[in-house]
Amino acid sequence: MSIASSCDGVSRYVPEPQGDKTAKEIWNNQVLIPFSVAEISHAFGGPIPDRNVSNKENFFRTEPYLRVANYIPWLNRVEKAYGDFWKEYGIFDFIQLSRMSLEYQPELLIAALHFFEKSSKTFQFKYGMMTPTLFDVAAITGLKPTRDTYNPTNSSKNISLSITKYTYSKYIEEQRGKDGDEVSEAEHVAFLTLWLCHFVFCTRSIQVAIKYILMATQIHEGCYFGFGRLILANLYEALGTAS
């Protein structure tokens, strides 16, 4: 394929092909997308983002969002009963983060992924390697960077959940207790399970995953484990998959 290049007086560029579908597909995969950081110009390779993306508010498929019906009212209900326990366990502030929407620049995130190196779990930038650490997790979430390794077999079988609906909104309808009733231990575990799936680990299925019930049970029972380490490991895995 031959595409004439143009010149703007300083740098050369290849114009976007018009009409030729094959040429346009090649151009989309070869184009360099410019961006600047600290007044320094950079670029990363295509393909360019889909201009017809259906959901521009949720750029990433598993991104947590607050439009899940009845989540905030359920959070308020459970917090009244277990807020003091959350503070003692060290997750109160972390749970409060689920009240807020995320603010980020998807273009910069996508650009950064082009510099991520899977084997070292680091971003290879011009000025050296950078990577999220346990201290970053601690600063954002308030979780301690230490604790024992999480072991799902340490969960007791004293609390069982009956789940028939796994999508977030339907799950809340099924698991939430009635206003005025006491928040049961099972309801607390059910809430923590939703929180872990949707706001902490962002499950790819975009619904409740039963494997997190064991983790929620351990939190409910006051069993401490390396929560921050799990979050960091999950982040590394996601970065490796995305890059």
Protein backbone atom coordinates (compact mmCIF):
# COMPACT_ATOMS: atom_id res chain seq x y z
CA MET A 1 0.00 0.00 0.00
CA SER A 2 1.28 3.45 -0.85
CA ILE A 3 0.05 6.47 1.03
CA ALA A 4 1.41 9.91 0.28
CA SER A 5 2.74 11.78 3.26
CA SER A 6 2.19 15.45 3.94
CA CYS A 7 4.31 18.02 5.66
CA ASP A 8 3.21 20.77 8.02
CA GLY A 9 6.48 22.62 7.75
CA VAL A 10 8.09 20.96 10.75
CA SER A 11 7.16 17.28 10.94
CA ARG A 12 5.84 14.72 8.48
CA TYR A 13 2.63 12.82 8.99
CA VAL A 14 0.48 10.31 7.14
CA PRO A 15 -3.10 11.52 6.58
CA GLU A 16 -6.03 9.26 7.42
CA PRO A 17 -7.11 7.34 4.28
CA GLN A 18 -10.57 8.13 2.99
CA GLY A 19 -12.83 5.56 1.34
CA ASP A 20 -10.34 2.67 1.18
CA LYS A 21 -11.42 0.29 3.99
CA THR A 22 -8.28 -1.86 3.85
CA ALA A 23 -5.96 1.15 3.89
CA LYS A 24 -7.88 2.65 6.80
CA GLU A 25 -7.59 -0.55 8.86
CA ILE A 26 -3.82 -0.57 8.29
CA TRP A 27 -3.59 3.13 9.16
CA ASN A 28 -5.54 2.60 12.40
CA ASN A 29 -3.07 -0.07 13.53
CA GLN A 30 0.05 1.89 12.61
CA VAL A 31 -0.87 5.41 13.65
CA LEU A 32 1.03 7.06 16.50
CA ILE A 33 -1.25 8.79 19.01
CA PRO A 34 0.44 11.83 20.55
CA PHE A 35 0.13 13.00 24.15
CA SER A 36 2.21 15.17 26.44
CA VAL A 37 3.35 14.88 30.03
CA ALA A 38 5.15 17.75 31.78
CA GLU A 39 5.34 19.58 28.43
CA ILE A 40 7.23 16.67 26.88
CA SER A 41 5.63 15.14 23.79
CA HIS A 42 5.26 11.37 23.60
CA ALA A 43 3.34 8.95 21.41
CA PHE A 44 2.06 5.40 21.55
CA GLY A 45 0.98 3.07 18.77
CA GLY A 46 -2.54 2.43 17.52
CA PRO A 47 -5.13 1.23 17.02
CA ILE A 48 -6.98 4.39 17.90
CA PRO A 49 -9.91 4.13 20.34
CA ASP A 50 -13.31 3.37 18.87
CA ARG A 51 -15.06 6.67 18.23
CA ASN A 52 -18.41 4.92 18.40
CA VAL A 53 -17.87 3.44 21.86
CA SER A 54 -21.34 2.85 23.26
CA ASN A 55 -20.70 3.87 26.87
CA LYS A 56 -18.46 6.89 27.23
CA GLU A 57 -19.15 7.22 30.96
CA ASN A 58 -17.85 3.72 31.73
CA PHE A 59 -14.82 3.47 29.46
CA PHE A 60 -13.67 0.24 31.11
CA ARG A 61 -16.16 -2.62 31.17
CA THR A 62 -15.72 -3.62 34.83
CA GLU A 63 -15.35 -0.10 36.20
CA PRO A 64 -17.27 0.38 39.48
CA TYR A 65 -20.23 2.71 39.14
CA LEU A 66 -22.84 4.09 41.52
CA ARG A 67 -25.88 3.51 39.34
CA VAL A 68 -26.37 0.05 40.85
CA ALA A 69 -29.90 0.32 42.18
CA ASN A 70 -30.19 0.64 45.96
CA TYR A 71 -26.46 0.23 46.69
CA ILE A 72 -26.03 3.46 48.69
CA PRO A 73 -29.20 2.87 50.78
CA TRP A 74 -27.94 -0.66 51.53
CA LEU A 75 -24.52 0.71 52.46
CA ASN A 76 -26.15 3.21 54.83
CA ARG A 77 -28.25 0.47 56.41
CA VAL A 78 -25.36 -1.92 57.02
CA GLU A 79 -23.03 0.88 58.16
CA LYS A 80 -25.36 1.79 61.02
CA ALA A 81 -25.01 -1.73 62.38
CA TYR A 82 -21.40 -2.52 61.51
CA GLY A 83 -19.69 0.87 61.12
CA ASP A 84 -17.82 0.52 64.42
CA PHE A 85 -16.67 -2.96 63.44
CA TRP A 86 -15.40 -1.66 60.09
CA LYS A 87 -13.37 0.98 61.92
CA GLU A 88 -11.90 -1.62 64.27
CA TYR A 89 -11.07 -3.95 61.38
CA GLY A 90 -9.57 -1.09 59.35
CA ILE A 91 -11.85 -0.99 56.29
CA PHE A 92 -14.26 1.83 57.18
CA ASP A 93 -12.52 4.47 55.05
CA PHE A 94 -11.97 1.95 52.27
CA ILE A 95 -15.69 1.17 52.11
CA GLN A 96 -16.50 4.90 52.06
CA LEU A 97 -14.61 5.17 48.76
CA SER A 98 -17.46 3.21 47.16
CA ARG A 99 -19.68 6.25 47.69
CA MET A 100 -17.73 8.27 45.12
CA SER A 101 -17.33 8.03 41.36
CA LEU A 102 -13.85 7.54 39.93
CA GLU A 103 -12.12 10.42 38.17
CA TYR A 104 -9.46 9.44 35.66
CA GLN A 105 -8.22 10.02 32.12
CA PRO A 106 -8.69 6.83 30.08
CA GLU A 107 -6.39 8.06 27.31
CA LEU A 108 -3.45 8.40 29.72
CA LEU A 109 -4.19 5.02 31.28
CA ILE A 110 -4.17 3.37 27.87
CA ALA A 111 -0.96 5.19 26.96
CA ALA A 112 0.71 4.07 30.21
CA LEU A 113 -0.17 0.43 29.53
CA HIS A 114 2.12 0.50 26.50
CA PHE A 115 5.05 0.94 28.90
CA PHE A 116 4.13 -1.86 31.31
CA GLU A 117 6.55 -4.81 31.46
CA LYS A 118 4.92 -8.01 32.71
CA SER A 119 7.99 -9.87 33.95
CA SER A 120 9.08 -7.12 36.35
CA LYS A 121 5.58 -5.70 36.99
CA THR A 122 6.89 -2.20 36.29
CA PHE A 123 6.33 0.68 33.90
CA GLN A 124 9.47 1.29 31.83
CA PHE A 125 9.58 5.08 31.58
CA LYS A 126 12.32 7.36 30.30
CA TYR A 127 13.51 8.25 33.80
CA GLY A 128 13.43 4.71 35.13
CA MET A 129 11.05 2.03 36.34
CA MET A 130 7.89 2.81 38.30
CA THR A 131 5.24 0.55 39.79
CA PRO A 132 2.42 0.60 42.35
CA THR A 133 3.53 -0.79 45.72
CA LEU A 134 1.94 -1.95 48.96
CA PHE A 135 2.59 1.51 50.37
CA ASP A 136 0.50 3.03 47.57
CA VAL A 137 -2.31 0.60 48.38
CA ALA A 138 -2.01 1.53 52.07
CA ALA A 139 -2.09 5.26 51.29
CA ILE A 140 -5.24 4.97 49.16
CA THR A 141 -7.20 2.36 51.10
CA GLY A 142 -5.87 2.67 54.64
CA LEU A 143 -5.07 -1.05 54.75
CA LYS A 144 -1.96 -2.20 56.56
CA PRO A 145 0.80 -3.43 54.21
CA THR A 146 1.44 -6.48 56.39
CA ARG A 147 -0.67 -9.43 57.64
CA ASP A 148 -0.68 -13.15 56.96
CA THR A 149 -1.33 -14.66 53.55
CA TYR A 150 -5.02 -15.09 52.78
CA ASN A 151 -6.18 -18.68 53.14
CA PRO A 152 -9.79 -19.37 52.05
CA THR A 153 -9.89 -22.56 54.13
CA ASN A 154 -9.76 -20.44 57.30
CA SER A 155 -13.36 -19.38 56.73
CA SER A 156 -15.90 -20.97 59.02
CA LYS A 157 -19.13 -22.53 57.83
CA ASN A 158 -21.24 -20.85 60.49
CA ILE A 159 -22.77 -18.43 57.99
CA SER A 160 -24.34 -19.52 54.72
CA LEU A 161 -25.85 -17.41 51.96
CA SER A 162 -28.70 -18.45 49.72
CA ILE A 163 -28.08 -16.79 46.36
CA THR A 164 -30.18 -17.21 43.24
CA LYS A 165 -29.54 -13.83 41.59
CA TYR A 166 -26.00 -12.70 40.84
CA THR A 167 -26.29 -9.45 38.88
CA TYR A 168 -25.58 -6.57 41.24
CA SER A 169 -29.00 -4.90 41.34
CA LYS A 170 -30.94 -8.17 41.60
CA TYR A 171 -28.49 -9.44 44.22
CA ILE A 172 -29.16 -6.39 46.40
CA GLU A 173 -32.91 -6.90 46.08
CA GLU A 174 -32.51 -10.50 47.21
CA GLN A 175 -30.00 -10.05 50.04
CA ARG A 176 -30.98 -6.73 51.59
CA GLY A 177 -33.07 -6.95 54.75
CA LYS A 178 -36.26 -5.02 55.30
CA ASP A 179 -36.08 -1.49 56.69
CA GLY A 180 -36.57 -1.61 60.43
CA ASP A 181 -35.27 -5.16 60.76
CA GLU A 182 -31.92 -5.89 62.39
CA VAL A 183 -28.97 -6.41 60.04
CA SER A 184 -28.15 -10.09 60.36
CA GLU A 185 -24.71 -11.64 60.13
CA ALA A 186 -25.69 -13.20 56.81
CA GLU A 187 -26.72 -9.80 55.43
CA HIS A 188 -23.41 -8.30 56.51
CA VAL A 189 -21.49 -11.07 54.72
CA ALA A 190 -23.72 -10.59 51.67
CA PHE A 191 -22.96 -6.86 51.61
CA LEU A 192 -19.22 -7.40 51.97
CA THR A 193 -19.34 -9.94 49.14
CA LEU A 194 -20.94 -7.40 46.80
CA TRP A 195 -18.46 -4.73 47.86
CA LEU A 196 -15.50 -7.03 47.19
CA CYS A 197 -16.82 -8.09 43.79
CA HIS A 198 -17.91 -4.72 42.46
CA PHE A 199 -15.70 -2.10 44.10
CA VAL A 200 -12.50 -3.89 45.16
CA PHE A 201 -11.71 -6.65 42.67
CA CYS A 202 -14.05 -5.59 39.83
CA THR A 203 -15.01 -9.10 38.70
CA ARG A 204 -14.89 -9.61 34.95
CA SER A 205 -18.31 -11.24 34.92
CA ILE A 206 -19.79 -7.96 36.25
CA GLN A 207 -21.75 -9.92 38.82
CA VAL A 208 -21.27 -11.46 42.26
CA ALA A 209 -18.66 -14.24 42.34
CA ILE A 210 -19.24 -16.84 45.06
CA LYS A 211 -15.50 -17.26 45.70
CA TYR A 212 -15.52 -13.92 47.54
CA ILE A 213 -18.07 -15.16 50.08
CA LEU A 214 -15.24 -16.90 51.96
CA MET A 215 -13.23 -13.68 52.08
CA ALA A 216 -16.26 -11.70 53.21
CA THR A 217 -16.89 -14.28 55.93
CA GLN A 218 -13.34 -13.94 57.25
CA ILE A 219 -13.69 -10.16 57.37
CA HIS A 220 -17.00 -10.49 59.20
CA GLU A 221 -15.43 -12.84 61.75
CA GLY A 222 -12.52 -10.46 62.35
CA CYS A 223 -9.93 -12.72 60.74
CA TYR A 224 -7.07 -10.54 59.52
CA PHE A 225 -5.13 -11.32 56.34
CA GLY A 226 -2.96 -9.55 53.77
CA PHE A 227 -5.85 -7.68 52.13
CA GLY A 228 -3.60 -5.07 50.56
CA ARG A 229 -1.38 -7.73 49.04
CA LEU A 230 -4.39 -9.30 47.33
CA ILE A 231 -5.43 -5.96 45.88
CA LEU A 232 -1.93 -5.28 44.57
CA ALA A 233 -1.67 -8.77 43.07
CA ASN A 234 -5.04 -8.29 41.38
CA LEU A 235 -3.85 -4.96 39.97
CA TYR A 236 -0.66 -6.51 38.60
CA GLU A 237 -2.67 -9.29 36.97
CA ALA A 238 -5.05 -6.79 35.37
CA LEU A 239 -2.17 -4.65 34.08
CA GLY A 240 -0.46 -7.70 32.61
CA THR A 241 -3.66 -8.81 30.89
CA ALA A 242 -4.41 -5.34 29.52
CA SER A 243 -0.90 -4.74 28.24
